[in-house]
Amino acid sequence: MKQDSHPLVVSVCYVRLSASELHASARFAADIFGLQRVAEKNGEIAFRSDNRFRTLSFSDGLSQSSSIGIEVWDEQALDQVEKRLSRNGTVPPPCEKIQRMPG
């Protein structure tokens, strides 16, 4: 990596997983990882590990949907991530809004 370049992904913001055993997965997150349970609604159980409201959530196996939220360095990095995912057969949903972090 060049000295003046930045990584494309700054951080993983959240992970949402479809779980065939929702409550067993929730117990694992709480008991093994020590995550704080913050919400349970509509077949989804959410946990936090830091100051963010949610860092991990499990949804019942009915949705069959998993997702990862990432923070990227800038809009160019977002474009690169989207291109790389598309090249590898994953089409990410379009971003609705880009939040700029101060600094």
Protein backbone atom coordinates (compact mmCIF):
# COMPACT_ATOMS: atom_id res chain seq x y z
CA MET A 1 0.00 0.00 0.00
CA LYS A 2 1.31 3.43 -0.91
CA GLN A 3 2.02 5.77 1.95
CA ASP A 4 -0.55 8.31 0.76
CA SER A 5 -3.27 5.75 0.11
CA HIS A 6 -6.00 4.68 2.52
CA PRO A 7 -7.77 1.36 3.00
CA LEU A 8 -11.12 1.17 1.25
CA VAL A 9 -12.95 -0.11 4.32
CA VAL A 10 -12.48 1.87 7.52
CA SER A 11 -14.56 -0.36 9.79
CA VAL A 12 -17.30 -2.95 10.00
CA CYS A 13 -20.30 -1.15 11.52
CA TYR A 14 -22.72 -4.04 11.95
CA VAL A 15 -23.41 -7.64 11.00
CA ARG A 16 -26.91 -9.05 10.49
CA LEU A 17 -27.21 -12.82 10.21
CA SER A 18 -30.08 -15.15 9.45
CA ALA A 19 -30.16 -17.85 12.13
CA SER A 20 -32.05 -21.13 11.98
CA GLU A 21 -31.90 -21.27 15.80
CA LEU A 22 -32.58 -17.64 16.74
CA HIS A 23 -32.64 -17.95 20.52
CA ALA A 24 -29.64 -20.29 20.69
CA SER A 25 -27.70 -17.80 18.56
CA ALA A 26 -28.78 -14.98 20.87
CA ARG A 27 -27.63 -16.90 23.95
CA PHE A 28 -24.25 -17.49 22.29
CA ALA A 29 -23.83 -13.76 21.53
CA ALA A 30 -24.70 -12.81 25.10
CA ASP A 31 -23.05 -15.63 27.05
CA ILE A 32 -19.90 -16.26 25.01
CA PHE A 33 -19.19 -12.85 23.45
CA GLY A 34 -20.67 -10.84 26.30
CA LEU A 35 -22.71 -8.60 23.99
CA GLN A 36 -25.52 -6.50 25.45
CA ARG A 37 -28.98 -7.44 24.19
CA VAL A 38 -30.74 -4.22 23.17
CA ALA A 39 -33.84 -5.15 21.19
CA GLU A 40 -36.09 -7.97 20.04
CA LYS A 41 -38.73 -7.25 17.45
CA ASN A 42 -40.33 -8.98 14.46
CA GLY A 43 -38.13 -12.06 14.61
CA GLU A 44 -34.87 -10.14 15.05
CA ILE A 45 -32.68 -9.87 18.17
CA ALA A 46 -30.08 -7.09 18.31
CA PHE A 47 -26.91 -6.70 20.37
CA ARG A 48 -24.38 -3.97 21.00
CA SER A 49 -20.68 -4.23 21.74
CA ASP A 50 -19.87 -0.51 22.05
CA ASN A 51 -21.57 2.89 21.88
CA ARG A 52 -23.46 2.08 18.66
CA PHE A 53 -27.06 0.95 19.08
CA ARG A 54 -26.51 -2.30 17.21
CA THR A 55 -23.39 -4.15 16.12
CA LEU A 56 -24.80 -7.66 15.69
CA SER A 57 -28.30 -8.89 15.04
CA PHE A 58 -29.83 -12.24 14.31
CA SER A 59 -33.02 -12.67 12.32
CA ASP A 60 -35.14 -15.79 12.27
CA GLY A 61 -34.28 -18.25 9.53
CA LEU A 62 -37.38 -17.26 7.58
CA SER A 63 -35.79 -14.18 6.02
CA GLN A 64 -32.70 -15.96 4.65
CA SER A 65 -31.07 -12.55 4.53
CA SER A 66 -27.72 -11.52 5.95
CA SER A 67 -25.89 -8.23 5.61
CA ILE A 68 -22.80 -6.36 6.68
CA GLY A 69 -22.63 -2.60 7.13
CA ILE A 70 -19.26 -1.03 6.42
CA GLU A 71 -17.75 2.42 6.68
CA VAL A 72 -15.59 3.37 3.73
CA TRP A 73 -12.93 6.04 3.44
CA ASP A 74 -14.69 8.23 0.88
CA GLU A 75 -17.01 8.14 -2.13
CA GLN A 76 -14.24 6.82 -4.40
CA ALA A 77 -13.65 3.95 -1.98
CA LEU A 78 -17.38 3.23 -2.02
CA ASP A 79 -17.29 3.02 -5.82
CA GLN A 80 -14.29 0.66 -5.68
CA VAL A 81 -15.93 -1.60 -3.11
CA GLU A 82 -19.09 -1.76 -5.21
CA LYS A 83 -17.08 -2.63 -8.35
CA ARG A 84 -15.10 -5.35 -6.55
CA LEU A 85 -18.22 -6.90 -5.06
CA SER A 86 -20.00 -6.83 -8.43
CA ARG A 87 -17.00 -8.47 -10.14
CA ASN A 88 -17.24 -11.28 -7.62
CA GLY A 89 -20.96 -11.85 -8.14
CA THR A 90 -22.37 -9.82 -5.25
CA VAL A 91 -24.51 -6.86 -6.16
CA PRO A 92 -24.74 -4.52 -3.18
CA PRO A 93 -27.86 -2.39 -2.76
CA PRO A 94 -27.42 1.26 -3.65
CA CYS A 95 -26.45 3.60 -0.82
CA GLU A 96 -29.27 5.90 0.13
CA LYS A 97 -27.17 8.46 1.95
CA ILE A 98 -23.52 9.05 2.59
CA GLN A 99 -22.79 10.33 6.05
CA ARG A 100 -19.63 12.34 6.33
CA MET A 101 -17.67 11.97 9.53
CA PRO A 102 -16.08 15.13 10.94
CA GLY A 103 -12.35 15.36 10.73
